[in-house]
C-alpha atoms as a PDB file:
ATOM      1  CA  MET A   1       0.000   0.000   0.000  1.00  0.00           C
ATOM      2  CA  GLU A   2       1.292   3.420  -0.873  1.00  0.00           C
ATOM      3  CA  LYS A   3       0.203   6.678   0.693  1.00  0.00           C
ATOM      4  CA  THR A   4       1.335  10.281   0.252  1.00  0.00           C
ATOM      5  CA  ILE A   5       1.381  12.581   3.267  1.00  0.00           C
ATOM      6  CA  LYS A   6       2.562  16.137   3.739  1.00  0.00           C
ATOM      7  CA  ILE A   7       5.352  16.699   6.208  1.00  0.00           C
ATOM      8  CA  GLY A   8       5.167  20.435   6.614  1.00  0.00           C
ATOM      9  CA  LYS A   9       4.820  21.578   3.011  1.00  0.00           C
ATOM     10  CA  VAL A  10       6.652  18.615   1.479  1.00  0.00           C
ATOM     11  CA  PRO A  11       4.675  15.707  -0.028  1.00  0.00           C
ATOM     12  CA  VAL A  12       6.239  12.387   0.966  1.00  0.00           C
ATOM     13  CA  ARG A  13       5.345   9.024  -0.557  1.00  0.00           C
ATOM     14  CA  LEU A  14       5.300   6.115   1.904  1.00  0.00           C
ATOM     15  CA  ASN A  15       5.080   2.436   1.019  1.00  0.00           C
ATOM     16  CA  ASN A  16       4.436  -0.359   3.490  1.00  0.00           C
ATOM     17  CA  ASN A  17       5.462  -3.381   1.457  1.00  0.00           C
ATOM     18  CA  ILE A  18       7.636  -5.504   3.706  1.00  0.00           C
ATOM     19  CA  GLY A  19      10.783  -4.101   2.099  1.00  0.00           C
ATOM     20  CA  TRP A  20      10.561  -1.081   4.419  1.00  0.00           C
ATOM     21  CA  SER A  21      11.522  -3.303   7.364  1.00  0.00           C
ATOM     22  CA  MET A  22      14.653  -4.392   5.517  1.00  0.00           C
ATOM     23  CA  ALA A  23      15.519  -0.773   4.672  1.00  0.00           C
ATOM     24  CA  TYR A  24      15.061   0.052   8.367  1.00  0.00           C
ATOM     25  CA  ARG A  25      17.330  -2.777   9.487  1.00  0.00           C
ATOM     26  CA  ASP A  26      19.981  -2.017   6.867  1.00  0.00           C
ATOM     27  CA  GLN A  27      20.057   1.670   7.787  1.00  0.00           C
ATOM     28  CA  PHE A  28      19.676   1.545  11.572  1.00  0.00           C
ATOM     29  CA  GLY A  29      21.211  -1.832  12.400  1.00  0.00           C
ATOM     30  CA  GLN A  30      18.271  -3.295  14.290  1.00  0.00           C
ATOM     31  CA  ASP A  31      15.023  -5.096  13.647  1.00  0.00           C
ATOM     32  CA  ILE A  32      11.834  -3.034  13.731  1.00  0.00           C
ATOM     33  CA  ILE A  33       9.823  -5.307  16.066  1.00  0.00           C
ATOM     34  CA  PRO A  34      11.505  -4.187  19.326  1.00  0.00           C
ATOM     35  CA  VAL A  35      10.915  -0.572  18.281  1.00  0.00           C
ATOM     36  CA  ILE A  36       7.205  -0.882  17.474  1.00  0.00           C
ATOM     37  CA  MET A  37       6.179  -3.298  20.229  1.00  0.00           C
ATOM     38  CA  PRO A  38       5.918  -0.545  22.883  1.00  0.00           C
ATOM     39  CA  MET A  39       3.657   1.418  20.538  1.00  0.00           C
ATOM     40  CA  LEU A  40       1.389  -1.579  19.987  1.00  0.00           C
ATOM     41  CA  ALA A  41       1.378  -2.534  23.668  1.00  0.00           C
ATOM     42  CA  GLY A  42       0.547   1.024  24.755  1.00  0.00           C
ATOM     43  CA  ALA A  43      -2.284   1.332  22.261  1.00  0.00           C
ATOM     44  CA  LEU A  44      -3.708  -2.039  23.280  1.00  0.00           C
ATOM     45  CA  ASP A  45      -3.492  -1.068  26.972  1.00  0.00           C
ATOM     46  CA  ILE A  46      -5.568   2.046  26.318  1.00  0.00           C
ATOM     47  CA  ILE A  47      -8.119   0.330  24.074  1.00  0.00           C
ATOM     48  CA  THR A  48      -8.535  -2.568  26.506  1.00  0.00           C
ATOM     49  CA  GLY A  49      -8.863  -0.161  29.416  1.00  0.00           C
ATOM     50  CA  LEU A  50     -11.524   1.825  27.604  1.00  0.00           C
ATOM     51  CA  LEU A  51     -13.535  -1.207  26.626  1.00  0.00           C
ATOM     52  CA  ASN A  52     -13.396  -2.481  30.213  1.00  0.00           C
ATOM     53  CA  SER A  53     -14.229   0.895  31.767  1.00  0.00           C
ATOM     54  CA  THR A  54     -17.672   1.396  30.288  1.00  0.00           C
ATOM     55  CA  GLU A  55     -20.714  -0.625  29.347  1.00  0.00           C
ATOM     56  CA  LYS A  56     -21.351   1.674  26.393  1.00  0.00           C
ATOM     57  CA  PRO A  57     -18.042   2.185  24.551  1.00  0.00           C
ATOM     58  CA  GLU A  58     -19.883   3.982  21.737  1.00  0.00           C
ATOM     59  CA  GLU A  59     -20.410   6.888  24.153  1.00  0.00           C
ATOM     60  CA  ILE A  60     -16.676   7.482  24.648  1.00  0.00           C
ATOM     61  CA  LYS A  61     -15.570  10.804  23.181  1.00  0.00           C
ATOM     62  CA  GLY A  62     -11.973  11.460  22.148  1.00  0.00           C
ATOM     63  CA  ILE A  63     -11.489  14.159  24.753  1.00  0.00           C
ATOM     64  CA  ASP A  64     -12.650  11.821  27.540  1.00  0.00           C
ATOM     65  CA  ILE A  65     -10.442   8.854  26.694  1.00  0.00           C
ATOM     66  CA  LEU A  66      -7.778   9.358  29.339  1.00  0.00           C
ATOM     67  CA  LYS A  67     -10.381  10.254  31.990  1.00  0.00           C
ATOM     68  CA  GLN A  68     -12.137   6.927  31.480  1.00  0.00           C
ATOM     69  CA  VAL A  69      -9.109   4.657  31.705  1.00  0.00           C
ATOM     70  CA  ASP A  70      -8.270   3.467  35.202  1.00  0.00           C
ATOM     71  CA  GLY A  71      -4.998   4.695  36.688  1.00  0.00           C
ATOM     72  CA  ASP A  72      -3.140   1.375  36.547  1.00  0.00           C
ATOM     73  CA  THR A  73      -3.997   0.880  32.860  1.00  0.00           C
ATOM     74  CA  LEU A  74      -2.910   4.411  32.052  1.00  0.00           C
ATOM     75  CA  ILE A  75       0.376   3.928  33.901  1.00  0.00           C
ATOM     76  CA  ASP A  76       1.007   0.701  31.956  1.00  0.00           C
ATOM     77  CA  ALA A  77       0.254   2.454  28.637  1.00  0.00           C
ATOM     78  CA  ILE A  78       2.513   5.393  29.459  1.00  0.00           C
ATOM     79  CA  ALA A  79       5.289   3.009  30.494  1.00  0.00           C
ATOM     80  CA  HIS A  80       5.042   1.232  27.146  1.00  0.00           C
ATOM     81  CA  LEU A  81       4.865   4.437  25.120  1.00  0.00           C
ATOM     82  CA  SER A  82       7.719   6.074  27.003  1.00  0.00           C
ATOM     83  CA  ALA A  83      10.053   3.574  25.350  1.00  0.00           C
ATOM     84  CA  LEU A  84       9.404   5.283  22.008  1.00  0.00           C
ATOM     85  CA  GLU A  85      11.513   8.195  20.915  1.00  0.00           C
ATOM     86  CA  PHE A  86      10.709  10.938  18.429  1.00  0.00           C
ATOM     87  CA  VAL A  87      13.640   9.801  16.326  1.00  0.00           C
ATOM     88  CA  ASP A  88      12.018   6.333  16.094  1.00  0.00           C
ATOM     89  CA  LEU A  89       9.053   7.919  14.300  1.00  0.00           C
ATOM     90  CA  ILE A  90      11.407   9.788  11.975  1.00  0.00           C
ATOM     91  CA  ASN A  91      13.371   6.596  11.257  1.00  0.00           C
ATOM     92  CA  ILE A  92      10.263   4.529  10.542  1.00  0.00           C
ATOM     93  CA  THR A  93       8.918   7.282   8.291  1.00  0.00           C
ATOM     94  CA  TRP A  94      12.241   7.402   6.453  1.00  0.00           C
ATOM     95  CA  ALA A  95      12.184   3.620   5.904  1.00  0.00           C
ATOM     96  CA  LEU A  96       8.623   3.764   4.540  1.00  0.00           C
ATOM     97  CA  ALA A  97       9.639   6.651   2.264  1.00  0.00           C
ATOM     98  CA  LYS A  98      12.778   4.794   1.143  1.00  0.00           C
ATOM     99  CA  CYS A  99      10.585   1.846   0.208  1.00  0.00           C
ATOM    100  CA  ALA A 100       8.465   4.163  -1.970  1.00  0.00           C
ATOM    101  CA  ASP A 101      11.437   5.984  -3.500  1.00  0.00           C
ATOM    102  CA  ASP A 102      14.865   4.369  -3.524  1.00  0.00           C
ATOM    103  CA  GLU A 103      16.435   7.705  -4.514  1.00  0.00           C
ATOM    104  CA  ILE A 104      15.810   9.495  -1.200  1.00  0.00           C
ATOM    105  CA  PRO A 105      19.017  10.367   0.672  1.00  0.00           C
ATOM    106  CA  GLU A 106      20.257   9.037   3.980  1.00  0.00           C
ATOM    107  CA  PRO A 107      18.094  10.032   6.987  1.00  0.00           C
ATOM    108  CA  LYS A 108      20.247  12.928   8.243  1.00  0.00           C
ATOM    109  CA  GLU A 109      20.107  14.558   4.820  1.00  0.00           C
ATOM    110  CA  TRP A 110      16.480  13.609   4.172  1.00  0.00           C
ATOM    111  CA  VAL A 111      15.128  15.356   7.292  1.00  0.00           C
ATOM    112  CA  LYS A 112      16.829  18.642   6.352  1.00  0.00           C
ATOM    113  CA  GLN A 113      14.107  19.286   3.770  1.00  0.00           C
ATOM    114  CA  PHE A 114      11.441  19.622   6.473  1.00  0.00           C
ATOM    115  CA  ASP A 115      10.839  22.812   8.437  1.00  0.00           C
ATOM    116  CA  THR A 116       8.551  20.847  10.775  1.00  0.00           C
ATOM    117  CA  PHE A 117       7.757  17.219  11.471  1.00  0.00           C
ATOM    118  CA  PRO A 118       4.143  17.306  12.755  1.00  0.00           C
ATOM    119  CA  VAL A 119       3.674  14.199  14.881  1.00  0.00           C
ATOM    120  CA  ASP A 120      -0.126  14.610  14.786  1.00  0.00           C
ATOM    121  CA  VAL A 121      -0.040  14.229  10.987  1.00  0.00           C
ATOM    122  CA  VAL A 122       2.830  11.790  10.524  1.00  0.00           C
ATOM    123  CA  ALA A 123       2.225   9.305  13.360  1.00  0.00           C
ATOM    124  CA  PRO A 124      -1.334   8.234  12.408  1.00  0.00           C
ATOM    125  CA  ALA A 125      -0.336   7.669   8.771  1.00  0.00           C
ATOM    126  CA  VAL A 126       2.811   5.777   9.738  1.00  0.00           C
ATOM    127  CA  PHE A 127       1.053   3.662  12.369  1.00  0.00           C
ATOM    128  CA  GLU A 128      -1.697   2.779   9.894  1.00  0.00           C
ATOM    129  CA  LEU A 129       0.802   1.707   7.237  1.00  0.00           C
ATOM    130  CA  VAL A 130       2.924  -0.253   9.707  1.00  0.00           C
ATOM    131  CA  GLY A 131      -0.151  -1.938  11.180  1.00  0.00           C
ATOM    132  CA  LYS A 132      -1.560  -2.921   7.808  1.00  0.00           C
ATOM    133  CA  GLY A 133       1.811  -4.313   6.774  1.00  0.00           C
ATOM    134  CA  LEU A 134       2.455  -6.364   9.908  1.00  0.00           C
ATOM    135  CA  ILE A 135      -0.987  -7.429  11.128  1.00  0.00           C
ATOM    136  CA  SER A 136      -3.218  -9.911   9.314  1.00  0.00           C
ATOM    137  CA  SER A 137      -6.201  -8.388   7.535  1.00  0.00           C
ATOM    138  CA  LYS A 138      -8.552 -10.310   9.862  1.00  0.00           C
ATOM    139  CA  ASN A 139      -6.922  -8.877  13.004  1.00  0.00           C
ATOM    140  CA  TRP A 140      -6.623  -5.444  11.373  1.00  0.00           C
ATOM    141  CA  ARG A 141     -10.409  -5.460  10.892  1.00  0.00           C
ATOM    142  CA  ARG A 142     -10.843  -6.439  14.553  1.00  0.00           C
ATOM    143  CA  LEU A 143      -8.581  -3.591  15.683  1.00  0.00           C
ATOM    144  CA  ASN A 144     -10.518  -1.144  13.526  1.00  0.00           C
ATOM    145  CA  GLU A 145     -13.798  -2.403  14.970  1.00  0.00           C
ATOM    146  CA  ALA A 146     -12.435  -1.849  18.484  1.00  0.00           C
ATOM    147  CA  LYS A 147     -11.148   1.584  17.475  1.00  0.00           C
ATOM    148  CA  GLU A 148     -14.559   2.434  16.015  1.00  0.00           C
ATOM    149  CA  LYS A 149     -16.215   1.560  19.335  1.00  0.00           C
ATOM    150  CA  VAL A 150     -13.736   3.720  21.184  1.00  0.00           C
ATOM    151  CA  GLN A 151     -13.631   6.673  18.783  1.00  0.00           C
ATOM    152  CA  PRO A 152     -16.313   6.621  16.076  1.00  0.00           C
ATOM    153  CA  THR A 153     -15.430   8.167  12.733  1.00  0.00           C
ATOM    154  CA  LYS A 154     -17.390  11.119  11.382  1.00  0.00           C
ATOM    155  CA  LYS A 155     -19.091   8.784   8.890  1.00  0.00           C
ATOM    156  CA  SER A 156     -20.678   6.719  11.674  1.00  0.00           C
ATOM    157  CA  GLN A 157     -21.729   9.658  13.869  1.00  0.00           C
END
């Protein structure tokens, strides 16, 4: 799957065919699984906590998410997510971009083209591509169904 996002004012093509994981390993000298596991564990902690905290998950609003998760679950999620670094997001994004365009430069040169690196724009696109590339379509549908219960899209509201 290929997707184009804007990082600041720069359009960037990202591709999640499994080759991105090889580009990541070749460039950064480590496998991607230890890097993304905290992200997945933190997200699952929050989703599980939300689904367990209310009898009507469809009533959960985005702004209320953290208020409705019990303290222990939130602490577990934060502990998982604290293992991630901003540079991990940049590196994963670079690997996805490298998979879409083999001509992009090494990461330190590549990031110089961006005035900003908006996490709120980049992270959802990257996490979606990574998830779709590493999780079976059956389990991806289940995760989206759980996400829909937690935070309905505008289409379903």
